[in-house]
Amino acid sequence: MTTADPAQKFDGLRAAEYEEQSRIALAGYDACHELAACMLAASIGSGGSAHLLIAGAGGGAREIVEASALEPRWNFTAVDPSQPMLDLAVAKLRQTELLERTHVVLGTVADLPPDPKFDAATLIGVLHHLPGDDAKLSILSDIAKRLKPGAPFVLAGNHYAYASQPLLLKAWGERWRQKGATSAEVEAKRGKILQGADPPASEDAVHQLLIRSGFARPQRFFSSLFWCAWLTHRLP
């Protein structure tokens, strides 16, 4: 089970290895972020200005890097409750000269003012770290309240109870072994994922969380073992 404060999981040590570890744990890490940007551009339209909410932006700020490469007139608000993870994102944004287009907030979506509304939002790699449906509904509802009616929203993360999918869990372990992990290291990582996250139980459970939070039924556009990415829209 996750800690009471999931942000505590992402301390300095975990933040330092986040991007490398994520690219192993999620086969297609870069492709998912690239396609998320493409889906948003396809939904919003290209060439115009827009302000996007990037919730859980800490780490490599891939959502912002990929979206800004497509749309040079988009601006961003990046929110994350983990200081070490946010520091990594700021370093990347500074390196890529995107910091001036990004308002950085240490905190949660609930800390943001209700207005002005955003043109789009993303929540990538966050939901399965939140324990229980109440916490998941809370962040999704907080995002919905800050979006314009009809605004697109990209949600991505793990679903299924890990132990309920033994073949996928075994393949996930093989993925680590493929990248050089020893059998003992694979077992340690498998034990950690079984104890350290609380993903929605199914894709339908994700749909229901979104609908209850004020979003339309989503469309899946990416999948990799336990991971999926969906696009939905804020209901009027």
Protein backbone atom coordinates (compact mmCIF):
# COMPACT_ATOMS: atom_id res chain seq x y z
CA MET A 1 0.00 0.00 0.00
CA THR A 2 1.15 3.52 -0.68
CA THR A 3 2.23 6.01 1.95
CA ALA A 4 -0.26 8.54 3.28
CA ASP A 5 1.64 11.22 1.35
CA PRO A 6 2.68 9.84 -2.05
CA ALA A 7 5.00 12.83 -2.60
CA GLN A 8 7.25 11.40 0.12
CA LYS A 9 8.03 8.46 -2.18
CA PHE A 10 9.80 10.79 -4.58
CA ASP A 11 12.75 11.84 -2.44
CA GLY A 12 16.10 12.98 -3.80
CA LEU A 13 17.36 9.46 -4.48
CA ARG A 14 14.29 8.36 -6.39
CA ALA A 15 14.11 11.64 -8.27
CA ALA A 16 17.72 11.26 -9.44
CA GLU A 17 17.00 7.90 -11.06
CA TYR A 18 13.46 8.65 -12.18
CA GLU A 19 13.89 9.09 -15.93
CA GLU A 20 16.24 6.14 -16.40
CA GLN A 21 14.10 3.83 -14.27
CA SER A 22 10.87 5.02 -15.91
CA ARG A 23 12.17 4.22 -19.38
CA ILE A 24 12.76 0.62 -18.27
CA ALA A 25 9.56 0.17 -16.27
CA LEU A 26 7.51 1.68 -19.10
CA ALA A 27 8.46 0.35 -22.52
CA GLY A 28 7.53 3.24 -24.78
CA TYR A 29 8.02 6.03 -22.23
CA ASP A 30 9.07 8.55 -24.86
CA ALA A 31 6.48 7.40 -27.39
CA CYS A 32 3.70 7.86 -24.82
CA HIS A 33 4.73 11.46 -24.13
CA GLU A 34 5.18 12.21 -27.83
CA LEU A 35 1.73 10.84 -28.64
CA ALA A 36 0.18 12.72 -25.72
CA ALA A 37 1.44 15.95 -27.27
CA CYS A 38 0.11 14.89 -30.67
CA MET A 39 -3.31 14.07 -29.23
CA LEU A 40 -3.51 17.45 -27.51
CA ALA A 41 -2.45 19.31 -30.65
CA ALA A 42 -5.01 17.36 -32.67
CA SER A 43 -7.70 18.26 -30.14
CA ILE A 44 -6.86 21.92 -29.57
CA GLY A 45 -5.69 22.69 -33.09
CA SER A 46 -2.25 23.81 -34.18
CA GLY A 47 -0.75 27.25 -34.51
CA GLY A 48 -2.67 29.05 -31.78
CA SER A 49 -1.97 30.00 -28.19
CA ALA A 50 -3.07 27.86 -25.24
CA HIS A 51 -2.34 27.49 -21.53
CA LEU A 52 -1.93 23.89 -20.34
CA LEU A 53 -2.02 22.49 -16.82
CA ILE A 54 0.66 19.82 -16.29
CA ALA A 55 -0.19 18.03 -13.03
CA GLY A 56 2.55 15.87 -11.56
CA ALA A 57 5.09 17.61 -13.79
CA GLY A 58 8.18 16.64 -11.79
CA GLY A 59 11.02 14.67 -13.35
CA GLY A 60 12.08 15.34 -16.90
CA ALA A 61 9.13 17.61 -17.78
CA ARG A 62 8.57 15.46 -20.86
CA GLU A 63 4.97 16.64 -21.28
CA ILE A 64 6.16 20.23 -21.66
CA VAL A 65 9.20 19.43 -23.79
CA GLU A 66 7.16 17.41 -26.30
CA ALA A 67 4.16 19.75 -26.42
CA SER A 68 6.28 22.86 -26.81
CA ALA A 69 8.17 21.31 -29.72
CA LEU A 70 4.87 21.00 -31.58
CA GLU A 71 3.30 24.27 -30.45
CA PRO A 72 5.64 27.23 -29.81
CA ARG A 73 2.76 29.46 -28.65
CA TRP A 74 1.61 27.18 -25.84
CA ASN A 75 2.38 28.09 -22.22
CA PHE A 76 2.27 25.83 -19.19
CA THR A 77 1.60 25.65 -15.46
CA ALA A 78 3.63 22.82 -13.94
CA VAL A 79 2.49 21.49 -10.56
CA ASP A 80 4.16 18.86 -8.37
CA PRO A 81 4.18 18.28 -4.59
CA SER A 82 7.73 16.82 -4.54
CA GLN A 83 10.53 19.39 -4.33
CA PRO A 84 13.24 17.02 -5.65
CA MET A 85 11.08 16.04 -8.63
CA LEU A 86 10.14 19.64 -9.34
CA ASP A 87 13.80 20.66 -9.17
CA LEU A 88 14.56 18.13 -11.92
CA ALA A 89 11.76 19.53 -14.06
CA VAL A 90 12.99 23.10 -13.58
CA ALA A 91 16.53 22.09 -14.54
CA LYS A 92 15.23 20.47 -17.73
CA LEU A 93 13.05 23.46 -18.57
CA ARG A 94 15.97 25.81 -18.03
CA GLN A 95 18.22 23.64 -20.20
CA THR A 96 15.65 23.59 -23.02
CA GLU A 97 14.86 27.31 -22.65
CA LEU A 98 11.25 26.55 -21.72
CA LEU A 99 11.24 27.94 -18.19
CA GLU A 100 10.05 31.37 -19.35
CA ARG A 101 6.97 29.69 -20.84
CA THR A 102 6.22 27.76 -17.65
CA HIS A 103 4.72 28.81 -14.32
CA VAL A 104 6.10 26.37 -11.73
CA VAL A 105 4.12 25.55 -8.58
CA LEU A 106 5.30 23.40 -5.66
CA GLY A 107 2.05 21.88 -4.43
CA THR A 108 -1.07 20.19 -5.74
CA VAL A 109 -3.77 21.09 -8.24
CA ALA A 110 -6.00 21.97 -5.29
CA ASP A 111 -3.58 24.79 -4.45
CA LEU A 112 -4.24 26.52 -7.77
CA PRO A 113 -6.90 29.24 -8.05
CA PRO A 114 -10.13 28.16 -9.77
CA ASP A 115 -9.69 30.79 -12.51
CA PRO A 116 -8.60 31.45 -15.17
CA LYS A 117 -9.48 28.10 -16.70
CA PHE A 118 -6.92 26.06 -18.64
CA ASP A 119 -7.23 25.05 -22.30
CA ALA A 120 -6.00 21.49 -21.63
CA ALA A 121 -4.34 19.34 -18.96
CA THR A 122 -2.25 16.23 -18.45
CA LEU A 123 -1.84 13.80 -15.56
CA ILE A 124 0.80 11.25 -16.53
CA GLY A 125 2.23 8.63 -14.17
CA VAL A 126 0.46 9.91 -11.07
CA LEU A 127 -2.93 8.24 -10.52
CA HIS A 128 -1.60 4.80 -9.55
CA HIS A 129 0.49 6.37 -6.76
CA LEU A 130 -2.62 7.73 -5.01
CA PRO A 131 -4.13 5.35 -2.45
CA GLY A 132 -7.83 4.63 -2.81
CA ASP A 133 -10.58 5.96 -5.04
CA ASP A 134 -11.21 9.06 -2.93
CA ALA A 135 -7.71 10.43 -3.57
CA LYS A 136 -7.98 9.57 -7.27
CA LEU A 137 -11.37 11.24 -7.59
CA SER A 138 -10.10 14.27 -5.72
CA ILE A 139 -7.23 15.05 -8.09
CA LEU A 140 -9.32 14.32 -11.19
CA SER A 141 -12.12 16.56 -9.92
CA ASP A 142 -9.63 19.30 -9.06
CA ILE A 143 -8.31 19.16 -12.62
CA ALA A 144 -11.81 19.16 -14.13
CA LYS A 145 -12.78 22.25 -12.11
CA ARG A 146 -9.85 24.16 -13.62
CA LEU A 147 -10.51 23.29 -17.26
CA LYS A 148 -12.66 25.11 -19.78
CA PRO A 149 -15.76 23.15 -20.90
CA GLY A 150 -14.76 20.80 -23.69
CA ALA A 151 -11.02 21.10 -22.93
CA PRO A 152 -8.96 17.97 -23.65
CA PHE A 153 -7.31 16.02 -20.85
CA VAL A 154 -4.64 13.32 -21.19
CA LEU A 155 -4.54 10.74 -18.40
CA ALA A 156 -1.85 8.05 -18.37
CA GLY A 157 -0.74 5.49 -15.83
CA ASN A 158 -0.96 1.92 -14.66
CA HIS A 159 -4.23 0.09 -14.24
CA TYR A 160 -5.09 -3.44 -13.05
CA ALA A 161 -4.21 -4.75 -9.63
CA TYR A 162 -0.71 -6.01 -10.40
CA ALA A 163 -1.19 -9.40 -8.77
CA SER A 164 -4.34 -9.97 -10.86
CA GLN A 165 -2.27 -10.08 -14.06
CA PRO A 166 0.51 -12.64 -13.40
CA LEU A 167 1.62 -12.88 -17.03
CA LEU A 168 1.95 -9.11 -17.40
CA LEU A 169 3.77 -8.96 -14.06
CA LYS A 170 6.18 -11.67 -15.20
CA ALA A 171 6.75 -9.89 -18.52
CA TRP A 172 7.42 -6.67 -16.58
CA GLY A 173 10.10 -8.53 -14.66
CA GLU A 174 11.58 -9.85 -17.90
CA ARG A 175 11.74 -6.27 -19.15
CA TRP A 176 14.03 -5.41 -16.24
CA ARG A 177 16.12 -8.53 -16.86
CA GLN A 178 16.35 -7.52 -20.53
CA LYS A 179 17.92 -4.26 -19.37
CA GLY A 180 20.54 -5.96 -17.19
CA ALA A 181 18.85 -6.52 -13.81
CA THR A 182 19.80 -9.69 -11.95
CA SER A 183 17.15 -12.19 -10.84
CA ALA A 184 17.44 -10.89 -7.27
CA GLU A 185 17.02 -7.31 -8.45
CA VAL A 186 13.95 -8.29 -10.50
CA GLU A 187 12.37 -9.94 -7.45
CA ALA A 188 13.08 -6.86 -5.35
CA LYS A 189 11.49 -4.59 -7.95
CA ARG A 190 8.48 -6.89 -8.29
CA GLY A 191 7.99 -6.83 -4.52
CA LYS A 192 8.29 -3.06 -4.49
CA ILE A 193 5.67 -2.51 -7.18
CA LEU A 194 3.25 -4.92 -5.47
CA GLN A 195 3.55 -2.98 -2.19
CA GLY A 196 4.14 0.55 -3.41
CA ALA A 197 1.22 1.54 -5.65
CA ASP A 198 -2.56 1.33 -5.91
CA PRO A 199 -3.63 1.39 -9.57
CA PRO A 200 -7.29 1.37 -10.64
CA ALA A 201 -8.53 -2.21 -10.94
CA SER A 202 -9.37 -2.10 -14.65
CA GLU A 203 -9.77 0.16 -17.65
CA ASP A 204 -13.48 0.41 -16.88
CA ALA A 205 -12.58 1.57 -13.37
CA VAL A 206 -10.53 4.38 -14.94
CA HIS A 207 -13.51 5.30 -17.14
CA GLN A 208 -15.79 5.45 -14.11
CA LEU A 209 -13.36 7.65 -12.17
CA LEU A 210 -13.22 10.07 -15.08
CA ILE A 211 -16.97 10.15 -15.59
CA ARG A 212 -17.56 10.74 -11.87
CA SER A 213 -15.05 13.61 -11.98
CA GLY A 214 -16.76 15.51 -14.80
CA PHE A 215 -15.09 14.06 -17.89
CA ALA A 216 -16.46 12.27 -20.95
CA ARG A 217 -15.75 8.59 -21.59
CA PRO A 218 -12.10 8.49 -22.71
CA GLN A 219 -10.39 7.14 -25.82
CA ARG A 220 -7.28 5.00 -25.33
CA PHE A 221 -4.35 5.90 -27.60
CA PHE A 222 -1.39 4.05 -26.03
CA SER A 223 -0.83 0.82 -24.12
CA SER A 224 2.22 -0.98 -22.69
CA LEU A 225 1.71 -3.92 -20.27
CA PHE A 226 -0.06 -2.37 -17.23
CA TRP A 227 0.16 1.14 -18.62
CA CYS A 228 -2.42 2.97 -20.72
CA ALA A 229 -2.93 6.53 -21.92
CA TRP A 230 -6.33 8.03 -22.65
CA LEU A 231 -7.70 11.29 -24.01
CA THR A 232 -10.96 12.67 -22.69
CA HIS A 233 -12.68 16.06 -22.53
CA ARG A 234 -14.15 18.18 -19.75
CA LEU A 235 -17.91 17.97 -19.93
CA PRO A 236 -19.83 21.25 -20.40
